[in-house]
C-alpha cells in the first residue's frame, strides 16, 4: 500500500530541520514535565550534585541552568578559553555516550558524566551531572590551570578561584558510578515517556490535531489508512499530511506505528498477555512487521522489553505461553 504522505517532498536539509525542531520541542516538554522536575529536585537534594537535561547537539555550557553548578566551573566559564574547552568536552561526550553513560575529565581535573536518553535508535537528549573530583586535587594542578588561563586574558580573581577549586566535592569513584547508574535507570523512564508525549501531543495544539489524535487512538487497532483519517477531519490527504507533520514532527505512518507500539507496551503490563496477541490487537498485520517496528521505536526487541519488565517486577521468568 502506498501512502499519500510519501509524495510530500522535503529536501534532506529541510527534513533535518524539522526533526531537530521536533526533538528540541520534545526535550523542552520533558524538561518542564512534573516527572523530570520532581526527579531533578530529589536527585540534587539527595546527592548534592547538579542535574540537567540537555538536548543532543546543544551548545550550552555543561550543567548551565542548574542552581548547583560547581562555583569553580561557574567562575571559569567567564573566560573565552574555558568556554571553548567546555564545548570541546561536550562534543567528546556526545561522540562517546551514544549507547552507554560516559564520564570524562575536563582539563581542570573535574569529572562530568552524560547519560543518553534514547528514543529508538536515536539519542534525544542527555542527563548530565558531575563537576566533582574523583581523587583529591593538588595545589600544583590548580596553579598550573590558573597560570594558563589568567595569564592569557583577564579572568576571575585567583584567590576566589582557589577557594572555589579546593572546595569542590570529592567523591569515591564507586559512589559516583552508583549515582550515574541511577541516572541510567531514569534515562530509560524518560525515553518511554518521550514516546508517549509524541503521541499525546501538547495541550495547546489545534482542535483539528487533537481530533486526529483521538481518532487514531480509537481506530489504531483497525486497518487504518491515511485517507480515512484525513476524511474524518474533512481534509485532502495531501493537505492533511502537511498539517499533521508540522504539528507532530512525524508522518502519519510513523505516528501510527508509535501509537501501536505504546498500545502493545500497555498490554504487556499484564503478565498473562501474549506478545503476539498484543501486536495483532494493536493493529500490526504480521509479527515480522511488528518486531522491526518495535526495535526501531523502542530500541530493543519485544522479548528483551518483556524480559526487562519481568526483572523490574521481581519475576525470574516469563509465564508459559507468554510469546
C-alpha atoms as a PDB file:
ATOM      1  CA  UNK A   1       0.000   0.000   0.000  1.00  0.00           C
ATOM      2  CA  UNK A   2       1.288   3.467  -0.830  1.00  0.00           C
ATOM      3  CA  UNK A   3       0.595   6.434   1.412  1.00  0.00           C
ATOM      4  CA  UNK A   4      -0.010   9.942   0.048  1.00  0.00           C
ATOM      5  CA  UNK A   5       2.284  11.383   2.711  1.00  0.00           C
ATOM      6  CA  UNK A   6       5.232   9.818   0.943  1.00  0.00           C
ATOM      7  CA  UNK A   7       4.628  12.117  -2.015  1.00  0.00           C
ATOM      8  CA  UNK A   8       5.258  15.253   0.048  1.00  0.00           C
ATOM      9  CA  UNK A   9       8.827  16.102  -0.959  1.00  0.00           C
ATOM     10  CA  UNK A  10      11.245  17.664   1.519  1.00  0.00           C
ATOM     11  CA  UNK A  11      14.936  18.252   0.951  1.00  0.00           C
ATOM     12  CA  UNK A  12      17.367  16.401   3.253  1.00  0.00           C
ATOM     13  CA  UNK A  13      18.210  19.717   4.920  1.00  0.00           C
ATOM     14  CA  UNK A  14      14.531  20.522   5.485  1.00  0.00           C
ATOM     15  CA  UNK A  15      13.865  17.064   6.931  1.00  0.00           C
ATOM     16  CA  UNK A  16      16.815  17.531   9.296  1.00  0.00           C
ATOM     17  CA  UNK A  17      15.478  20.925  10.398  1.00  0.00           C
ATOM     18  CA  UNK A  18      12.002  19.517  11.059  1.00  0.00           C
ATOM     19  CA  UNK A  19      13.480  16.625  13.002  1.00  0.00           C
ATOM     20  CA  UNK A  20      15.756  18.884  15.047  1.00  0.00           C
ATOM     21  CA  UNK A  21      12.928  21.300  15.866  1.00  0.00           C
ATOM     22  CA  UNK A  22      10.633  18.464  16.890  1.00  0.00           C
ATOM     23  CA  UNK A  23      13.401  16.973  19.034  1.00  0.00           C
ATOM     24  CA  UNK A  24      14.136  20.284  20.774  1.00  0.00           C
ATOM     25  CA  UNK A  25      10.447  20.835  21.449  1.00  0.00           C
ATOM     26  CA  UNK A  26      10.113  17.348  22.901  1.00  0.00           C
ATOM     27  CA  UNK A  27      13.136  17.821  25.173  1.00  0.00           C
ATOM     28  CA  UNK A  28      11.710  21.149  26.329  1.00  0.00           C
ATOM     29  CA  UNK A  29       8.450  19.393  27.254  1.00  0.00           C
ATOM     30  CA  UNK A  30      10.350  16.683  29.105  1.00  0.00           C
ATOM     31  CA  UNK A  31      12.376  19.308  30.959  1.00  0.00           C
ATOM     32  CA  UNK A  32       9.192  21.099  32.030  1.00  0.00           C
ATOM     33  CA  UNK A  33       7.350  17.919  32.970  1.00  0.00           C
ATOM     34  CA  UNK A  34       6.451  17.207  36.570  1.00  0.00           C
ATOM     35  CA  UNK A  35       8.261  13.869  36.299  1.00  0.00           C
ATOM     36  CA  UNK A  36      11.612  15.432  35.457  1.00  0.00           C
ATOM     37  CA  UNK A  37      11.312  18.373  37.828  1.00  0.00           C
ATOM     38  CA  UNK A  38      10.467  16.129  40.776  1.00  0.00           C
ATOM     39  CA  UNK A  39      13.300  13.730  39.960  1.00  0.00           C
ATOM     40  CA  UNK A  40      15.743  16.613  39.490  1.00  0.00           C
ATOM     41  CA  UNK A  41      14.773  18.081  42.864  1.00  0.00           C
ATOM     42  CA  UNK A  42      15.083  14.729  44.631  1.00  0.00           C
ATOM     43  CA  UNK A  43      18.369  13.866  42.892  1.00  0.00           C
ATOM     44  CA  UNK A  44      20.003  17.203  43.694  1.00  0.00           C
ATOM     45  CA  UNK A  45      18.759  17.205  47.296  1.00  0.00           C
ATOM     46  CA  UNK A  46      19.981  13.643  47.887  1.00  0.00           C
ATOM     47  CA  UNK A  47      23.338  13.746  46.092  1.00  0.00           C
ATOM     48  CA  UNK A  48      24.154  17.435  46.277  1.00  0.00           C
ATOM     49  CA  UNK A  49      25.106  17.262  42.587  1.00  0.00           C
ATOM     50  CA  UNK A  50      23.633  19.258  39.694  1.00  0.00           C
ATOM     51  CA  UNK A  51      21.370  17.581  37.150  1.00  0.00           C
ATOM     52  CA  UNK A  52      20.265  18.942  33.795  1.00  0.00           C
ATOM     53  CA  UNK A  53      18.536  17.530  30.730  1.00  0.00           C
ATOM     54  CA  UNK A  54      20.311  18.811  27.626  1.00  0.00           C
ATOM     55  CA  UNK A  55      19.171  18.198  24.076  1.00  0.00           C
ATOM     56  CA  UNK A  56      21.557  16.489  21.697  1.00  0.00           C
ATOM     57  CA  UNK A  57      23.618  18.971  19.717  1.00  0.00           C
ATOM     58  CA  UNK A  58      23.144  21.829  22.183  1.00  0.00           C
ATOM     59  CA  UNK A  59      25.936  24.360  22.551  1.00  0.00           C
ATOM     60  CA  UNK A  60      25.096  25.274  26.118  1.00  0.00           C
ATOM     61  CA  UNK A  61      27.830  25.218  28.746  1.00  0.00           C
ATOM     62  CA  UNK A  62      27.832  21.947  30.729  1.00  0.00           C
ATOM     63  CA  UNK A  63      25.246  21.983  33.554  1.00  0.00           C
ATOM     64  CA  UNK A  64      24.229  25.528  32.697  1.00  0.00           C
ATOM     65  CA  UNK A  65      20.942  26.420  34.353  1.00  0.00           C
ATOM     66  CA  UNK A  66      21.394  24.295  37.474  1.00  0.00           C
ATOM     67  CA  UNK A  67      21.457  26.066  40.840  1.00  0.00           C
ATOM     68  CA  UNK A  68      24.032  23.501  41.958  1.00  0.00           C
ATOM     69  CA  UNK A  69      26.573  24.208  39.231  1.00  0.00           C
ATOM     70  CA  UNK A  70      30.096  23.984  40.665  1.00  0.00           C
ATOM     71  CA  UNK A  71      31.206  27.519  41.754  1.00  0.00           C
ATOM     72  CA  UNK A  72      34.690  26.947  40.295  1.00  0.00           C
ATOM     73  CA  UNK A  73      33.190  25.966  36.914  1.00  0.00           C
ATOM     74  CA  UNK A  74      30.847  28.950  37.013  1.00  0.00           C
ATOM     75  CA  UNK A  75      33.812  31.275  37.551  1.00  0.00           C
ATOM     76  CA  UNK A  76      35.907  29.652  34.852  1.00  0.00           C
ATOM     77  CA  UNK A  77      33.181  29.980  32.213  1.00  0.00           C
ATOM     78  CA  UNK A  78      33.824  33.719  32.265  1.00  0.00           C
ATOM     79  CA  UNK A  79      36.974  33.167  30.204  1.00  0.00           C
ATOM     80  CA  UNK A  80      36.816  32.504  26.467  1.00  0.00           C
ATOM     81  CA  UNK A  81      39.435  29.783  26.629  1.00  0.00           C
ATOM     82  CA  UNK A  82      37.463  27.870  29.239  1.00  0.00           C
ATOM     83  CA  UNK A  83      34.220  28.159  27.261  1.00  0.00           C
ATOM     84  CA  UNK A  84      35.938  26.671  24.224  1.00  0.00           C
ATOM     85  CA  UNK A  85      37.313  23.809  26.330  1.00  0.00           C
ATOM     86  CA  UNK A  86      33.860  23.121  27.797  1.00  0.00           C
ATOM     87  CA  UNK A  87      32.265  22.942  24.347  1.00  0.00           C
ATOM     88  CA  UNK A  88      35.004  20.581  23.175  1.00  0.00           C
ATOM     89  CA  UNK A  89      34.237  18.364  26.176  1.00  0.00           C
ATOM     90  CA  UNK A  90      30.551  18.381  25.188  1.00  0.00           C
ATOM     91  CA  UNK A  91      31.460  17.214  21.689  1.00  0.00           C
ATOM     92  CA  UNK A  92      33.566  14.380  23.104  1.00  0.00           C
ATOM     93  CA  UNK A  93      30.752  13.325  25.419  1.00  0.00           C
ATOM     94  CA  UNK A  94      28.221  13.235  22.576  1.00  0.00           C
ATOM     95  CA  UNK A  95      30.613  11.232  20.408  1.00  0.00           C
ATOM     96  CA  UNK A  96      31.265   8.648  23.136  1.00  0.00           C
ATOM     97  CA  UNK A  97      27.964   8.479  25.062  1.00  0.00           C
ATOM     98  CA  UNK A  98      25.797   7.129  22.255  1.00  0.00           C
ATOM     99  CA  UNK A  99      24.813   3.835  23.893  1.00  0.00           C
ATOM    100  CA  UNK A 100      26.050   3.923  27.478  1.00  0.00           C
ATOM    101  CA  UNK A 101      26.750   6.604  30.103  1.00  0.00           C
ATOM    102  CA  UNK A 102      30.145   8.228  29.746  1.00  0.00           C
ATOM    103  CA  UNK A 103      32.284  10.010  32.334  1.00  0.00           C
ATOM    104  CA  UNK A 104      35.042  12.324  31.140  1.00  0.00           C
ATOM    105  CA  UNK A 105      37.523  14.514  32.932  1.00  0.00           C
ATOM    106  CA  UNK A 106      37.887  18.162  31.953  1.00  0.00           C
ATOM    107  CA  UNK A 107      41.213  19.972  31.702  1.00  0.00           C
ATOM    108  CA  UNK A 108      40.817  21.167  35.304  1.00  0.00           C
ATOM    109  CA  UNK A 109      40.560  17.600  36.601  1.00  0.00           C
ATOM    110  CA  UNK A 110      36.822  17.580  37.365  1.00  0.00           C
ATOM    111  CA  UNK A 111      34.709  14.662  36.186  1.00  0.00           C
ATOM    112  CA  UNK A 112      31.441  15.135  34.304  1.00  0.00           C
ATOM    113  CA  UNK A 113      29.005  12.487  33.089  1.00  0.00           C
ATOM    114  CA  UNK A 114      26.419  12.237  30.326  1.00  0.00           C
ATOM    115  CA  UNK A 115      23.707   9.580  30.188  1.00  0.00           C
ATOM    116  CA  UNK A 116      21.969   9.240  26.810  1.00  0.00           C
ATOM    117  CA  UNK A 117      18.176   9.309  26.614  1.00  0.00           C
ATOM    118  CA  UNK A 118      17.453   7.204  23.540  1.00  0.00           C
ATOM    119  CA  UNK A 119      14.226   7.064  21.568  1.00  0.00           C
ATOM    120  CA  UNK A 120      14.545   4.063  19.307  1.00  0.00           C
ATOM    121  CA  UNK A 121      17.901   4.238  17.566  1.00  0.00           C
ATOM    122  CA  UNK A 122      18.462   7.960  18.168  1.00  0.00           C
ATOM    123  CA  UNK A 123      19.824   9.925  21.118  1.00  0.00           C
ATOM    124  CA  UNK A 124      17.216  12.521  22.016  1.00  0.00           C
ATOM    125  CA  UNK A 125      18.999  14.160  24.945  1.00  0.00           C
ATOM    126  CA  UNK A 126      21.482  13.667  27.759  1.00  0.00           C
ATOM    127  CA  UNK A 127      21.099  13.653  31.512  1.00  0.00           C
ATOM    128  CA  UNK A 128      24.209  15.400  32.806  1.00  0.00           C
ATOM    129  CA  UNK A 129      25.777  15.638  36.222  1.00  0.00           C
ATOM    130  CA  UNK A 130      29.206  15.852  37.789  1.00  0.00           C
ATOM    131  CA  UNK A 131      31.748  18.658  38.183  1.00  0.00           C
ATOM    132  CA  UNK A 132      33.331  16.718  41.045  1.00  0.00           C
ATOM    133  CA  UNK A 133      36.748  15.261  41.817  1.00  0.00           C
ATOM    134  CA  UNK A 134      37.182  11.512  41.914  1.00  0.00           C
ATOM    135  CA  UNK A 135      40.523  11.996  43.649  1.00  0.00           C
ATOM    136  CA  UNK A 136      41.917  14.788  45.795  1.00  0.00           C
ATOM    137  CA  UNK A 137      43.183  17.771  43.753  1.00  0.00           C
ATOM    138  CA  UNK A 138      46.674  19.127  44.145  1.00  0.00           C
ATOM    139  CA  UNK A 139      47.635  22.758  44.624  1.00  0.00           C
ATOM    140  CA  UNK A 140      50.200  22.365  41.841  1.00  0.00           C
ATOM    141  CA  UNK A 141      47.477  21.367  39.386  1.00  0.00           C
ATOM    142  CA  UNK A 142      45.448  24.394  40.431  1.00  0.00           C
ATOM    143  CA  UNK A 143      48.433  26.705  39.967  1.00  0.00           C
ATOM    144  CA  UNK A 144      49.083  25.292  36.506  1.00  0.00           C
ATOM    145  CA  UNK A 145      45.454  25.860  35.485  1.00  0.00           C
ATOM    146  CA  UNK A 146      45.203  29.430  36.740  1.00  0.00           C
ATOM    147  CA  UNK A 147      48.574  30.335  35.243  1.00  0.00           C
ATOM    148  CA  UNK A 148      47.416  29.110  31.852  1.00  0.00           C
ATOM    149  CA  UNK A 149      44.007  30.774  31.981  1.00  0.00           C
ATOM    150  CA  UNK A 150      44.564  34.068  33.796  1.00  0.00           C
ATOM    151  CA  UNK A 151      47.870  34.594  32.056  1.00  0.00           C
ATOM    152  CA  UNK A 152      46.159  34.737  28.687  1.00  0.00           C
ATOM    153  CA  UNK A 153      43.247  37.060  29.468  1.00  0.00           C
ATOM    154  CA  UNK A 154      41.506  38.923  32.241  1.00  0.00           C
ATOM    155  CA  UNK A 155      39.633  36.480  34.417  1.00  0.00           C
ATOM    156  CA  UNK A 156      38.320  35.866  37.914  1.00  0.00           C
ATOM    157  CA  UNK A 157      40.387  36.753  40.968  1.00  0.00           C
ATOM    158  CA  UNK A 158      42.910  33.960  41.662  1.00  0.00           C
ATOM    159  CA  UNK A 159      42.066  33.840  45.378  1.00  0.00           C
ATOM    160  CA  UNK A 160      38.378  33.402  44.599  1.00  0.00           C
ATOM    161  CA  UNK A 161      39.237  30.702  42.065  1.00  0.00           C
ATOM    162  CA  UNK A 162      41.489  28.879  44.502  1.00  0.00           C
ATOM    163  CA  UNK A 163      38.854  28.871  47.219  1.00  0.00           C
ATOM    164  CA  UNK A 164      36.187  27.510  44.857  1.00  0.00           C
ATOM    165  CA  UNK A 165      38.560  24.921  43.382  1.00  0.00           C
ATOM    166  CA  UNK A 166      39.677  23.497  46.712  1.00  0.00           C
ATOM    167  CA  UNK A 167      36.095  23.366  47.995  1.00  0.00           C
ATOM    168  CA  UNK A 168      34.939  21.187  45.082  1.00  0.00           C
ATOM    169  CA  UNK A 169      33.427  17.919  46.292  1.00  0.00           C
ATOM    170  CA  UNK A 170      35.496  14.761  46.231  1.00  0.00           C
ATOM    171  CA  UNK A 171      33.588  11.507  45.720  1.00  0.00           C
ATOM    172  CA  UNK A 172      34.782   7.930  45.808  1.00  0.00           C
ATOM    173  CA  UNK A 173      34.722   6.501  42.295  1.00  0.00           C
ATOM    174  CA  UNK A 174      32.363   3.635  43.241  1.00  0.00           C
ATOM    175  CA  UNK A 175      29.937   6.040  44.888  1.00  0.00           C
ATOM    176  CA  UNK A 176      29.934   8.264  41.818  1.00  0.00           C
ATOM    177  CA  UNK A 177      29.453   5.292  39.485  1.00  0.00           C
ATOM    178  CA  UNK A 178      26.391   4.278  41.520  1.00  0.00           C
ATOM    179  CA  UNK A 179      24.967   7.769  41.094  1.00  0.00           C
ATOM    180  CA  UNK A 180      25.455   7.542  37.327  1.00  0.00           C
ATOM    181  CA  UNK A 181      23.705   4.156  37.286  1.00  0.00           C
ATOM    182  CA  UNK A 182      20.685   5.778  38.936  1.00  0.00           C
ATOM    183  CA  UNK A 183      20.593   8.271  36.081  1.00  0.00           C
ATOM    184  CA  UNK A 184      20.801   5.450  33.542  1.00  0.00           C
ATOM    185  CA  UNK A 185      17.643   3.921  35.048  1.00  0.00           C
ATOM    186  CA  UNK A 186      15.885   7.290  34.951  1.00  0.00           C
ATOM    187  CA  UNK A 187      17.002   7.782  31.322  1.00  0.00           C
ATOM    188  CA  UNK A 188      15.093   4.613  30.363  1.00  0.00           C
ATOM    189  CA  UNK A 189      11.990   6.013  32.027  1.00  0.00           C
ATOM    190  CA  UNK A 190      12.347   9.336  30.216  1.00  0.00           C
ATOM    191  CA  UNK A 191      12.755   7.509  26.904  1.00  0.00           C
ATOM    192  CA  UNK A 192       9.449   5.726  27.451  1.00  0.00           C
ATOM    193  CA  UNK A 193       7.728   8.947  28.474  1.00  0.00           C
ATOM    194  CA  UNK A 194       9.095  10.782  25.429  1.00  0.00           C
ATOM    195  CA  UNK A 195       7.398   8.333  23.088  1.00  0.00           C
ATOM    196  CA  UNK A 196       4.132   8.809  24.979  1.00  0.00           C
ATOM    197  CA  UNK A 197       4.494  12.587  24.639  1.00  0.00           C
ATOM    198  CA  UNK A 198       4.974  12.230  20.889  1.00  0.00           C
ATOM    199  CA  UNK A 199       1.603  10.548  20.529  1.00  0.00           C
ATOM    200  CA  UNK A 200      -0.370  12.506  23.145  1.00  0.00           C
ATOM    201  CA  UNK A 201       0.641  15.968  21.983  1.00  0.00           C
ATOM    202  CA  UNK A 202       0.714  19.339  23.653  1.00  0.00           C
ATOM    203  CA  UNK A 203      -2.277  20.771  25.475  1.00  0.00           C
ATOM    204  CA  UNK A 204      -2.151  23.982  23.368  1.00  0.00           C
ATOM    205  CA  UNK A 205      -2.337  22.282  19.976  1.00  0.00           C
ATOM    206  CA  UNK A 206      -5.126  22.954  17.484  1.00  0.00           C
ATOM    207  CA  UNK A 207      -8.540  21.279  17.875  1.00  0.00           C
ATOM    208  CA  UNK A 208      -8.028  19.581  14.485  1.00  0.00           C
ATOM    209  CA  UNK A 209      -4.823  17.826  15.580  1.00  0.00           C
ATOM    210  CA  UNK A 210      -6.412  16.899  18.911  1.00  0.00           C
ATOM    211  CA  UNK A 211      -9.309  15.362  16.959  1.00  0.00           C
ATOM    212  CA  UNK A 212      -6.851  13.468  14.742  1.00  0.00           C
ATOM    213  CA  UNK A 213      -5.024  12.023  17.746  1.00  0.00           C
ATOM    214  CA  UNK A 214      -8.316  10.960  19.288  1.00  0.00           C
ATOM    215  CA  UNK A 215      -9.487   9.347  16.047  1.00  0.00           C
ATOM    216  CA  UNK A 216      -6.248   7.409  15.652  1.00  0.00           C
ATOM    217  CA  UNK A 217      -6.394   6.232  19.272  1.00  0.00           C
ATOM    218  CA  UNK A 218      -9.922   4.910  18.740  1.00  0.00           C
ATOM    219  CA  UNK A 219      -9.184   3.136  15.443  1.00  0.00           C
ATOM    220  CA  UNK A 220      -5.472   2.196  15.585  1.00  0.00           C
ATOM    221  CA  UNK A 221      -6.312  -1.485  16.032  1.00  0.00           C
ATOM    222  CA  UNK A 222      -8.072  -1.460  12.651  1.00  0.00           C
ATOM    223  CA  UNK A 223      -6.648  -1.370   9.123  1.00  0.00           C
ATOM    224  CA  UNK A 224      -6.374   2.404   9.384  1.00  0.00           C
ATOM    225  CA  UNK A 225      -5.442   4.338   6.231  1.00  0.00           C
ATOM    226  CA  UNK A 226      -4.265   7.891   5.880  1.00  0.00           C
ATOM    227  CA  UNK A 227      -7.252   8.781   3.709  1.00  0.00           C
ATOM    228  CA  UNK A 228      -9.596   7.558   6.466  1.00  0.00           C
ATOM    229  CA  UNK A 229      -8.100   9.973   8.988  1.00  0.00           C
ATOM    230  CA  UNK A 230      -7.986  12.855   6.507  1.00  0.00           C
ATOM    231  CA  UNK A 231     -11.637  12.275   5.671  1.00  0.00           C
ATOM    232  CA  UNK A 232     -12.533  12.276   9.383  1.00  0.00           C
ATOM    233  CA  UNK A 233     -11.255  15.869   9.693  1.00  0.00           C
ATOM    234  CA  UNK A 234     -12.515  16.994   6.252  1.00  0.00           C
ATOM    235  CA  UNK A 235      -9.087  17.479   4.659  1.00  0.00           C
ATOM    236  CA  UNK A 236      -7.489  16.283   1.488  1.00  0.00           C
ATOM    237  CA  UNK A 237      -4.830  13.645   2.053  1.00  0.00           C
ATOM    238  CA  UNK A 238      -2.134  15.982   0.723  1.00  0.00           C
ATOM    239  CA  UNK A 239      -3.072  18.912   2.975  1.00  0.00           C
ATOM    240  CA  UNK A 240      -3.576  16.618   5.960  1.00  0.00           C
ATOM    241  CA  UNK A 241      -0.009  15.307   5.587  1.00  0.00           C
ATOM    242  CA  UNK A 242       1.460  18.803   5.650  1.00  0.00           C
ATOM    243  CA  UNK A 243      -0.598  19.917   8.660  1.00  0.00           C
ATOM    244  CA  UNK A 244      -0.021  16.726  10.637  1.00  0.00           C
ATOM    245  CA  UNK A 245       3.738  16.619  10.026  1.00  0.00           C
ATOM    246  CA  UNK A 246       4.115  20.275  11.006  1.00  0.00           C
ATOM    247  CA  UNK A 247       2.142  19.764  14.233  1.00  0.00           C
ATOM    248  CA  UNK A 248       3.664  16.479  15.393  1.00  0.00           C
ATOM    249  CA  UNK A 249       7.042  16.280  13.678  1.00  0.00           C
ATOM    250  CA  UNK A 250       6.050  12.817  12.422  1.00  0.00           C
ATOM    251  CA  UNK A 251       4.483  11.433   9.277  1.00  0.00           C
ATOM    252  CA  UNK A 252       1.132   9.733   9.693  1.00  0.00           C
ATOM    253  CA  UNK A 253       2.764   6.325   9.159  1.00  0.00           C
ATOM    254  CA  UNK A 254       5.437   6.945  11.809  1.00  0.00           C
ATOM    255  CA  UNK A 255       2.897   8.328  14.262  1.00  0.00           C
ATOM    256  CA  UNK A 256       0.523   5.382  13.826  1.00  0.00           C
ATOM    257  CA  UNK A 257       3.409   2.972  14.351  1.00  0.00           C
ATOM    258  CA  UNK A 258       4.410   4.666  17.612  1.00  0.00           C
ATOM    259  CA  UNK A 259       0.808   4.720  18.824  1.00  0.00           C
ATOM    260  CA  UNK A 260       0.505   0.995  18.197  1.00  0.00           C
ATOM    261  CA  UNK A 261       3.810   0.299  19.972  1.00  0.00           C
ATOM    262  CA  UNK A 262       2.557   2.204  23.017  1.00  0.00           C
ATOM    263  CA  UNK A 263      -0.631   0.135  22.963  1.00  0.00           C
ATOM    264  CA  UNK A 264       1.454  -3.059  22.946  1.00  0.00           C
ATOM    265  CA  UNK A 265       3.526  -1.799  25.865  1.00  0.00           C
ATOM    266  CA  UNK A 266       0.385  -1.124  27.862  1.00  0.00           C
ATOM    267  CA  UNK A 267      -0.918  -4.616  27.079  1.00  0.00           C
ATOM    268  CA  UNK A 268       2.343  -6.199  28.215  1.00  0.00           C
ATOM    269  CA  UNK A 269       1.915  -4.731  31.678  1.00  0.00           C
ATOM    270  CA  UNK A 270      -0.455  -7.674  32.108  1.00  0.00           C
ATOM    271  CA  UNK A 271       1.871 -10.583  32.900  1.00  0.00           C
ATOM    272  CA  UNK A 272      -0.512 -13.032  31.250  1.00  0.00           C
ATOM    273  CA  UNK A 273      -0.700 -11.168  27.928  1.00  0.00           C
ATOM    274  CA  UNK A 274       0.926 -12.778  24.884  1.00  0.00           C
ATOM    275  CA  UNK A 275       3.183 -10.579  22.763  1.00  0.00           C
ATOM    276  CA  UNK A 276       1.700 -11.868  19.523  1.00  0.00           C
ATOM    277  CA  UNK A 277      -1.868 -11.175  20.654  1.00  0.00           C
ATOM    278  CA  UNK A 278      -0.938  -7.697  21.842  1.00  0.00           C
ATOM    279  CA  UNK A 279       0.709  -6.949  18.488  1.00  0.00           C
ATOM    280  CA  UNK A 280      -2.278  -8.061  16.405  1.00  0.00           C
ATOM    281  CA  UNK A 281      -4.712  -6.313  18.736  1.00  0.00           C
ATOM    282  CA  UNK A 282      -2.770  -3.046  18.312  1.00  0.00           C
ATOM    283  CA  UNK A 283      -3.139  -3.246  14.525  1.00  0.00           C
ATOM    284  CA  UNK A 284       0.073  -4.857  13.286  1.00  0.00           C
ATOM    285  CA  UNK A 285      -0.545  -7.189  10.346  1.00  0.00           C
ATOM    286  CA  UNK A 286       2.398  -9.543  10.897  1.00  0.00           C
ATOM    287  CA  UNK A 287       4.873 -10.420  13.638  1.00  0.00           C
ATOM    288  CA  UNK A 288       7.860  -9.653  11.417  1.00  0.00           C
ATOM    289  CA  UNK A 289       6.472  -6.169  10.762  1.00  0.00           C
ATOM    290  CA  UNK A 290       5.807  -5.716  14.474  1.00  0.00           C
ATOM    291  CA  UNK A 291       9.279  -6.901  15.533  1.00  0.00           C
ATOM    292  CA  UNK A 292      11.001  -4.500  13.132  1.00  0.00           C
ATOM    293  CA  UNK A 293       8.822  -1.598  14.226  1.00  0.00           C
ATOM    294  CA  UNK A 294       9.261  -2.310  17.933  1.00  0.00           C
ATOM    295  CA  UNK A 295      13.047  -2.474  17.594  1.00  0.00           C
ATOM    296  CA  UNK A 296      13.121   0.790  15.648  1.00  0.00           C
ATOM    297  CA  UNK A 297      10.874   2.700  18.065  1.00  0.00           C
ATOM    298  CA  UNK A 298      11.795   1.158  21.422  1.00  0.00           C
ATOM    299  CA  UNK A 299      15.452   0.445  20.679  1.00  0.00           C
ATOM    300  CA  UNK A 300      15.144  -3.192  21.765  1.00  0.00           C
ATOM    301  CA  UNK A 301      13.301  -6.332  20.716  1.00  0.00           C
ATOM    302  CA  UNK A 302       9.836  -7.124  22.157  1.00  0.00           C
ATOM    303  CA  UNK A 303      11.266 -10.135  24.008  1.00  0.00           C
ATOM    304  CA  UNK A 304      14.017  -8.008  25.584  1.00  0.00           C
ATOM    305  CA  UNK A 305      11.466  -5.415  26.609  1.00  0.00           C
ATOM    306  CA  UNK A 306       9.238  -8.049  28.168  1.00  0.00           C
ATOM    307  CA  UNK A 307      12.142  -9.695  29.991  1.00  0.00           C
ATOM    308  CA  UNK A 308      13.084  -6.310  31.414  1.00  0.00           C
ATOM    309  CA  UNK A 309       9.519  -5.809  32.615  1.00  0.00           C
ATOM    310  CA  UNK A 310       9.691  -9.127  34.451  1.00  0.00           C
ATOM    311  CA  UNK A 311      13.036  -8.299  36.022  1.00  0.00           C
ATOM    312  CA  UNK A 312      11.769  -4.920  37.230  1.00  0.00           C
ATOM    313  CA  UNK A 313       8.750  -6.663  38.771  1.00  0.00           C
ATOM    314  CA  UNK A 314      10.927  -9.215  40.516  1.00  0.00           C
ATOM    315  CA  UNK A 315       9.990 -12.113  38.221  1.00  0.00           C
ATOM    316  CA  UNK A 316      12.659 -14.618  37.272  1.00  0.00           C
ATOM    317  CA  UNK A 317      10.986 -15.989  34.156  1.00  0.00           C
ATOM    318  CA  UNK A 318       8.068 -15.413  31.823  1.00  0.00           C
ATOM    319  CA  UNK A 319       4.920 -17.493  32.284  1.00  0.00           C
ATOM    320  CA  UNK A 320       4.350 -20.314  29.871  1.00  0.00           C
ATOM    321  CA  UNK A 321       2.926 -19.208  26.524  1.00  0.00           C
ATOM    322  CA  UNK A 322       3.891 -15.543  27.064  1.00  0.00           C
ATOM    323  CA  UNK A 323       5.008 -15.130  23.478  1.00  0.00           C
END
